Amino acid sequence: MDPDIRTRAAIEEHWRASERGDTEAEHAVYAADAILDYPQSGERFRGRAAIAAQRGGHPADRHFTVHRITGGGDLWVSECVITYDGVPTYSVSVMEFAREHVVHETQYFADAFGAPAWRTALAEPMPGRTVARA
């Protein structure tokens, strides 16, 4: 099987397992010594067990919607919306692979914001979306 097809399938299963709440399957994509970074908070989680524990202990009701997965070779990016207790947070996950497992992931989070009126004539809605006004 083509390595990129296999890697994409592993990432897709990671996000499906995240949505199902299947912690074991969700974290199977990570190497035992993987690193997960959250730049906004400055946190680093070292090792699959620590990554799984911090996600498993999250108190919110979470849902995952993947908008796009792109990449090749050892570098892959997922664009997602993670909904925490009904509130959407936009997320970009940058996964670096080695030996068919994630060895380093950096995950960025951003809240939605309203578009200012001065840009109205320049913008169009993204597919499947409406433009939120400020």
N, C-alpha and C. Protein backbone atom coordinates (compact mmCIF):
# COMPACT_ATOMS: atom_id res chain seq x y z
N MET A 1 0.84 -1.19 0.00
CA MET A 1 0.00 0.00 0.00
C MET A 1 0.89 1.25 0.00
N ASP A 2 0.48 2.24 -0.75
CA ASP A 2 1.18 3.53 -0.81
C ASP A 2 1.28 4.11 0.61
N PRO A 3 2.48 4.53 1.05
CA PRO A 3 2.64 5.06 2.42
C PRO A 3 1.73 6.25 2.71
N ASP A 4 1.51 7.15 1.74
CA ASP A 4 0.64 8.31 1.99
C ASP A 4 -0.81 7.89 2.18
N ILE A 5 -1.26 6.88 1.46
CA ILE A 5 -2.62 6.37 1.64
C ILE A 5 -2.77 5.78 3.03
N ARG A 6 -1.76 5.04 3.47
CA ARG A 6 -1.78 4.43 4.80
C ARG A 6 -1.78 5.50 5.89
N THR A 7 -0.96 6.54 5.71
CA THR A 7 -0.88 7.61 6.71
C THR A 7 -2.20 8.38 6.77
N ARG A 8 -2.76 8.72 5.61
CA ARG A 8 -4.06 9.42 5.60
C ARG A 8 -5.13 8.58 6.30
N ALA A 9 -5.15 7.29 6.04
CA ALA A 9 -6.13 6.41 6.69
C ALA A 9 -5.94 6.41 8.20
N ALA A 10 -4.70 6.42 8.67
CA ALA A 10 -4.44 6.45 10.11
C ALA A 10 -4.92 7.75 10.73
N ILE A 11 -4.71 8.87 10.04
CA ILE A 11 -5.18 10.17 10.55
C ILE A 11 -6.70 10.22 10.56
N GLU A 12 -7.33 9.74 9.49
CA GLU A 12 -8.79 9.71 9.45
C GLU A 12 -9.35 8.87 10.59
N GLU A 13 -8.74 7.73 10.86
CA GLU A 13 -9.20 6.89 11.97
C GLU A 13 -8.96 7.59 13.31
N HIS A 14 -7.88 8.32 13.44
CA HIS A 14 -7.61 9.09 14.67
C HIS A 14 -8.78 10.05 14.95
N TRP A 15 -9.21 10.79 13.93
CA TRP A 15 -10.29 11.76 14.14
C TRP A 15 -11.63 11.07 14.36
N ARG A 16 -11.90 9.97 13.64
CA ARG A 16 -13.14 9.22 13.87
C ARG A 16 -13.18 8.68 15.30
N ALA A 17 -12.05 8.13 15.75
CA ALA A 17 -11.98 7.61 17.12
C ALA A 17 -12.14 8.73 18.14
N SER A 18 -11.59 9.90 17.85
CA SER A 18 -11.77 11.06 18.73
C SER A 18 -13.25 11.36 18.89
N GLU A 19 -13.97 11.37 17.76
CA GLU A 19 -15.41 11.66 17.79
C GLU A 19 -16.17 10.58 18.56
N ARG A 20 -15.78 9.32 18.40
CA ARG A 20 -16.46 8.20 19.09
C ARG A 20 -16.12 8.15 20.57
N GLY A 21 -15.05 8.82 20.97
CA GLY A 21 -14.61 8.72 22.36
C GLY A 21 -13.82 7.45 22.63
N ASP A 22 -13.28 6.85 21.59
CA ASP A 22 -12.49 5.62 21.69
C ASP A 22 -11.03 6.00 21.93
N THR A 23 -10.67 6.17 23.19
CA THR A 23 -9.36 6.68 23.57
C THR A 23 -8.23 5.81 23.04
N GLU A 24 -8.37 4.51 23.11
CA GLU A 24 -7.29 3.62 22.65
C GLU A 24 -7.04 3.79 21.16
N ALA A 25 -8.09 3.76 20.35
CA ALA A 25 -7.94 3.93 18.90
C ALA A 25 -7.48 5.34 18.56
N GLU A 26 -7.96 6.33 19.29
CA GLU A 26 -7.58 7.73 19.05
C GLU A 26 -6.06 7.92 19.18
N HIS A 27 -5.46 7.24 20.12
CA HIS A 27 -4.04 7.46 20.40
C HIS A 27 -3.12 6.41 19.79
N ALA A 28 -3.67 5.46 19.05
CA ALA A 28 -2.85 4.44 18.39
C ALA A 28 -1.93 5.05 17.34
N VAL A 29 -2.26 6.22 16.83
CA VAL A 29 -1.46 6.88 15.79
C VAL A 29 -0.14 7.44 16.34
N TYR A 30 -0.05 7.60 17.66
CA TYR A 30 1.12 8.22 18.27
C TYR A 30 2.21 7.20 18.61
N ALA A 31 3.46 7.58 18.40
CA ALA A 31 4.59 6.80 18.89
C ALA A 31 4.57 6.84 20.41
N ALA A 32 5.15 5.85 21.04
CA ALA A 32 5.16 5.80 22.51
C ALA A 32 5.82 7.03 23.11
N ASP A 33 6.80 7.60 22.40
CA ASP A 33 7.53 8.77 22.92
C ASP A 33 7.13 10.07 22.19
N ALA A 34 5.95 10.10 21.62
CA ALA A 34 5.48 11.28 20.87
C ALA A 34 5.43 12.51 21.77
N ILE A 35 5.48 13.67 21.10
CA ILE A 35 5.36 14.96 21.78
C ILE A 35 4.16 15.69 21.19
N LEU A 36 3.35 16.29 22.06
CA LEU A 36 2.22 17.13 21.65
C LEU A 36 2.43 18.52 22.24
N ASP A 37 2.44 19.53 21.36
CA ASP A 37 2.61 20.92 21.80
C ASP A 37 1.33 21.71 21.57
N TYR A 38 0.98 22.55 22.55
CA TYR A 38 -0.11 23.52 22.45
C TYR A 38 0.53 24.91 22.57
N PRO A 39 0.88 25.56 21.46
CA PRO A 39 1.58 26.85 21.55
C PRO A 39 0.84 27.93 22.32
N GLN A 40 -0.51 27.98 22.24
CA GLN A 40 -1.24 29.05 22.92
C GLN A 40 -1.05 29.00 24.42
N SER A 41 -1.00 27.81 25.00
CA SER A 41 -0.85 27.70 26.45
C SER A 41 0.59 27.44 26.86
N GLY A 42 1.45 27.10 25.90
CA GLY A 42 2.84 26.80 26.22
C GLY A 42 3.06 25.40 26.77
N GLU A 43 2.04 24.54 26.69
CA GLU A 43 2.14 23.20 27.26
C GLU A 43 2.76 22.22 26.26
N ARG A 44 3.55 21.30 26.80
CA ARG A 44 4.10 20.18 26.05
C ARG A 44 3.75 18.91 26.82
N PHE A 45 3.21 17.94 26.10
CA PHE A 45 2.88 16.64 26.67
C PHE A 45 3.82 15.62 26.03
N ARG A 46 4.54 14.89 26.85
CA ARG A 46 5.56 13.97 26.36
C ARG A 46 5.11 12.53 26.59
N GLY A 47 4.96 11.79 25.48
CA GLY A 47 4.60 10.38 25.55
C GLY A 47 3.13 10.15 25.29
N ARG A 48 2.84 9.02 24.60
CA ARG A 48 1.46 8.66 24.26
C ARG A 48 0.58 8.62 25.50
N ALA A 49 1.09 8.08 26.60
CA ALA A 49 0.29 7.96 27.82
C ALA A 49 -0.11 9.34 28.36
N ALA A 50 0.80 10.29 28.36
CA ALA A 50 0.49 11.64 28.85
C ALA A 50 -0.49 12.34 27.91
N ILE A 51 -0.32 12.15 26.61
CA ILE A 51 -1.23 12.75 25.63
C ILE A 51 -2.64 12.20 25.85
N ALA A 52 -2.75 10.89 25.97
CA ALA A 52 -4.06 10.26 26.18
C ALA A 52 -4.68 10.69 27.50
N ALA A 53 -3.87 10.80 28.55
CA ALA A 53 -4.40 11.16 29.87
C ALA A 53 -4.95 12.58 29.87
N GLN A 54 -4.27 13.53 29.24
CA GLN A 54 -4.77 14.90 29.26
C GLN A 54 -6.02 15.04 28.41
N ARG A 55 -6.13 14.29 27.34
CA ARG A 55 -7.36 14.34 26.53
C ARG A 55 -8.49 13.59 27.22
N GLY A 56 -8.17 12.46 27.82
CA GLY A 56 -9.17 11.66 28.50
C GLY A 56 -9.75 12.34 29.72
N GLY A 57 -9.00 13.25 30.30
CA GLY A 57 -9.48 13.96 31.48
C GLY A 57 -10.23 15.23 31.17
N HIS A 58 -10.42 15.52 29.88
CA HIS A 58 -11.10 16.77 29.51
C HIS A 58 -12.55 16.73 29.97
N PRO A 59 -13.00 17.74 30.71
CA PRO A 59 -14.35 17.70 31.28
C PRO A 59 -15.47 18.05 30.29
N ALA A 60 -15.15 18.62 29.13
CA ALA A 60 -16.18 19.07 28.20
C ALA A 60 -16.71 17.93 27.35
N ASP A 61 -17.94 18.11 26.87
CA ASP A 61 -18.50 17.24 25.83
C ASP A 61 -17.87 17.70 24.52
N ARG A 62 -17.09 16.84 23.88
CA ARG A 62 -16.33 17.24 22.69
C ARG A 62 -16.83 16.52 21.45
N HIS A 63 -16.79 17.26 20.33
CA HIS A 63 -17.11 16.69 19.02
C HIS A 63 -16.10 17.22 18.01
N PHE A 64 -15.82 16.41 17.01
CA PHE A 64 -14.77 16.71 16.04
C PHE A 64 -15.33 16.68 14.64
N THR A 65 -15.12 17.76 13.89
CA THR A 65 -15.49 17.84 12.48
C THR A 65 -14.23 18.17 11.70
N VAL A 66 -13.83 17.27 10.82
CA VAL A 66 -12.62 17.47 10.02
C VAL A 66 -13.03 18.12 8.70
N HIS A 67 -12.43 19.26 8.40
CA HIS A 67 -12.71 19.95 7.15
C HIS A 67 -11.74 19.55 6.05
N ARG A 68 -10.48 19.30 6.42
CA ARG A 68 -9.50 18.95 5.40
C ARG A 68 -8.29 18.30 6.03
N ILE A 69 -7.78 17.30 5.36
CA ILE A 69 -6.50 16.68 5.72
C ILE A 69 -5.64 16.78 4.47
N THR A 70 -4.45 17.33 4.64
CA THR A 70 -3.54 17.46 3.51
C THR A 70 -2.12 17.16 3.99
N GLY A 71 -1.33 16.66 3.08
CA GLY A 71 0.05 16.39 3.44
C GLY A 71 0.65 15.32 2.57
N GLY A 72 1.80 14.87 2.97
CA GLY A 72 2.51 13.81 2.27
C GLY A 72 3.78 13.50 3.01
N GLY A 73 4.26 12.31 2.80
CA GLY A 73 5.50 11.92 3.46
C GLY A 73 5.34 11.97 4.97
N ASP A 74 6.23 12.71 5.61
CA ASP A 74 6.26 12.77 7.07
C ASP A 74 5.51 13.95 7.68
N LEU A 75 4.87 14.81 6.86
CA LEU A 75 4.22 16.00 7.39
C LEU A 75 2.77 16.08 6.90
N TRP A 76 1.82 16.15 7.86
CA TRP A 76 0.39 16.17 7.55
C TRP A 76 -0.30 17.24 8.39
N VAL A 77 -1.32 17.87 7.81
CA VAL A 77 -2.07 18.93 8.47
C VAL A 77 -3.56 18.59 8.41
N SER A 78 -4.22 18.70 9.55
CA SER A 78 -5.68 18.54 9.63
C SER A 78 -6.29 19.86 10.05
N GLU A 79 -7.31 20.29 9.31
CA GLU A 79 -8.09 21.47 9.69
C GLU A 79 -9.42 20.97 10.24
N CYS A 80 -9.71 21.34 11.47
CA CYS A 80 -10.87 20.79 12.17
C CYS A 80 -11.63 21.87 12.93
N VAL A 81 -12.85 21.52 13.30
CA VAL A 81 -13.59 22.26 14.30
C VAL A 81 -13.81 21.29 15.45
N ILE A 82 -13.33 21.68 16.62
CA ILE A 82 -13.57 20.89 17.82
C ILE A 82 -14.58 21.66 18.64
N THR A 83 -15.70 21.03 18.92
CA THR A 83 -16.77 21.68 19.65
C THR A 83 -16.70 21.21 21.11
N TYR A 84 -16.53 22.18 22.00
CA TYR A 84 -16.46 21.92 23.44
C TYR A 84 -17.75 22.44 24.07
N ASP A 85 -18.57 21.52 24.62
CA ASP A 85 -19.84 21.90 25.24
C ASP A 85 -20.65 22.81 24.33
N GLY A 86 -20.69 22.49 23.03
CA GLY A 86 -21.50 23.23 22.07
C GLY A 86 -20.85 24.46 21.48
N VAL A 87 -19.64 24.80 21.92
CA VAL A 87 -18.96 26.00 21.42
C VAL A 87 -17.83 25.57 20.48
N PRO A 88 -17.89 26.01 19.20
CA PRO A 88 -16.86 25.58 18.25
C PRO A 88 -15.54 26.31 18.44
N THR A 89 -14.46 25.57 18.30
CA THR A 89 -13.11 26.12 18.30
C THR A 89 -12.42 25.57 17.07
N TYR A 90 -11.85 26.46 16.28
CA TYR A 90 -11.17 26.04 15.06
C TYR A 90 -9.78 25.57 15.44
N SER A 91 -9.35 24.48 14.81
CA SER A 91 -8.08 23.87 15.17
C SER A 91 -7.31 23.45 13.92
N VAL A 92 -6.01 23.62 14.00
CA VAL A 92 -5.11 23.11 12.98
C VAL A 92 -4.12 22.20 13.70
N SER A 93 -4.04 20.97 13.22
CA SER A 93 -3.14 19.98 13.79
C SER A 93 -2.05 19.68 12.78
N VAL A 94 -0.80 19.90 13.18
CA VAL A 94 0.35 19.61 12.33
C VAL A 94 1.02 18.37 12.91
N MET A 95 0.97 17.28 12.15
CA MET A 95 1.53 16.01 12.61
C MET A 95 2.77 15.64 11.81
N GLU A 96 3.82 15.31 12.55
CA GLU A 96 5.06 14.84 11.94
C GLU A 96 5.18 13.35 12.23
N PHE A 97 5.39 12.58 11.17
CA PHE A 97 5.43 11.13 11.27
C PHE A 97 6.85 10.59 11.12
N ALA A 98 7.09 9.47 11.77
CA ALA A 98 8.29 8.65 11.56
C ALA A 98 7.87 7.22 11.87
N ARG A 99 8.27 6.31 11.04
CA ARG A 99 7.95 4.89 11.25
C ARG A 99 6.46 4.66 11.46
N GLU A 100 5.64 5.34 10.65
CA GLU A 100 4.18 5.16 10.63
C GLU A 100 3.46 5.65 11.88
N HIS A 101 4.12 6.43 12.71
CA HIS A 101 3.47 6.99 13.90
C HIS A 101 3.79 8.47 14.02
N VAL A 102 2.89 9.20 14.68
CA VAL A 102 3.14 10.61 14.97
C VAL A 102 4.22 10.68 16.04
N VAL A 103 5.27 11.43 15.74
CA VAL A 103 6.33 11.65 16.72
C VAL A 103 6.26 13.06 17.31
N HIS A 104 5.61 13.98 16.58
CA HIS A 104 5.45 15.34 17.08
C HIS A 104 4.19 15.94 16.46
N GLU A 105 3.32 16.44 17.30
CA GLU A 105 2.12 17.15 16.85
C GLU A 105 2.11 18.52 17.50
N THR A 106 1.80 19.52 16.70
CA THR A 106 1.55 20.86 17.21
C THR A 106 0.12 21.18 16.86
N GLN A 107 -0.67 21.56 17.86
CA GLN A 107 -2.08 21.84 17.63
C GLN A 107 -2.37 23.29 18.02
N TYR A 108 -2.92 24.03 17.05
CA TYR A 108 -3.27 25.44 17.24
C TYR A 108 -4.78 25.55 17.36
N PHE A 109 -5.25 26.43 18.23
CA PHE A 109 -6.68 26.63 18.46
C PHE A 109 -7.04 28.10 18.27
N ALA A 110 -8.20 28.34 17.68
CA ALA A 110 -8.67 29.72 17.49
C ALA A 110 -10.19 29.76 17.62
N ASP A 111 -10.67 30.76 18.32
CA ASP A 111 -12.11 30.95 18.43
C ASP A 111 -12.63 31.68 17.19
N ALA A 112 -13.90 31.47 16.90
CA ALA A 112 -14.53 32.18 15.79
C ALA A 112 -14.61 33.67 16.10
N PHE A 113 -14.64 34.48 15.05
CA PHE A 113 -14.79 35.92 15.24
C PHE A 113 -15.65 36.46 14.11
N GLY A 114 -16.30 37.56 14.37
CA GLY A 114 -17.16 38.20 13.37
C GLY A 114 -16.35 39.00 12.37
N ALA A 115 -16.81 38.98 11.12
CA ALA A 115 -16.14 39.75 10.06
C ALA A 115 -16.54 41.21 10.16
N PRO A 116 -15.58 42.14 10.07
CA PRO A 116 -15.92 43.56 10.13
C PRO A 116 -16.63 44.01 8.86
N ALA A 117 -17.48 45.00 9.01
CA ALA A 117 -18.29 45.50 7.90
C ALA A 117 -17.44 46.02 6.75
N TRP A 118 -16.27 46.58 7.04
CA TRP A 118 -15.46 47.18 5.97
C TRP A 118 -14.98 46.15 4.95
N ARG A 119 -15.01 44.84 5.28
CA ARG A 119 -14.56 43.81 4.33
C ARG A 119 -15.70 43.17 3.56
N THR A 120 -16.93 43.57 3.80
CA THR A 120 -18.09 42.92 3.21
C THR A 120 -17.99 42.79 1.69
N ALA A 121 -17.61 43.82 1.01
CA ALA A 121 -17.56 43.80 -0.45
C ALA A 121 -16.41 42.94 -0.98
N LEU A 122 -15.47 42.59 -0.14
CA LEU A 122 -14.31 41.82 -0.58
C LEU A 122 -14.45 40.32 -0.37
N ALA A 123 -15.39 39.92 0.46
CA ALA A 123 -15.47 38.52 0.89
C ALA A 123 -16.71 37.83 0.36
N GLU A 124 -16.62 36.51 0.29
CA GLU A 124 -17.77 35.66 0.00
C GLU A 124 -17.78 34.56 1.06
N PRO A 125 -18.91 33.93 1.28
CA PRO A 125 -18.95 32.86 2.28
C PRO A 125 -18.13 31.65 1.83
N MET A 126 -17.48 31.02 2.77
CA MET A 126 -16.81 29.76 2.49
C MET A 126 -17.88 28.72 2.18
N PRO A 127 -17.58 27.70 1.40
CA PRO A 127 -18.58 26.67 1.08
C PRO A 127 -19.19 26.08 2.34
N GLY A 128 -20.50 26.05 2.37
CA GLY A 128 -21.24 25.50 3.51
C GLY A 128 -21.29 26.38 4.73
N ARG A 129 -20.87 27.63 4.61
CA ARG A 129 -20.81 28.53 5.76
C ARG A 129 -21.55 29.83 5.44
N THR A 130 -21.89 30.55 6.48
CA THR A 130 -22.37 31.91 6.32
C THR A 130 -21.36 32.82 7.00
N VAL A 131 -21.25 34.04 6.54
CA VAL A 131 -20.29 34.97 7.12
C VAL A 131 -20.89 35.53 8.40
N ALA A 132 -20.17 35.37 9.50
CA ALA A 132 -20.59 35.93 10.78
C ALA A 132 -20.16 37.39 10.83
N ARG A 133 -21.05 38.25 11.15
CA ARG A 133 -20.75 39.69 11.21
C ARG A 133 -20.35 40.12 12.60
N ALA A 134 -19.44 41.06 12.66
CA ALA A 134 -18.97 41.60 13.95
C ALA A 134 -20.02 42.49 14.56
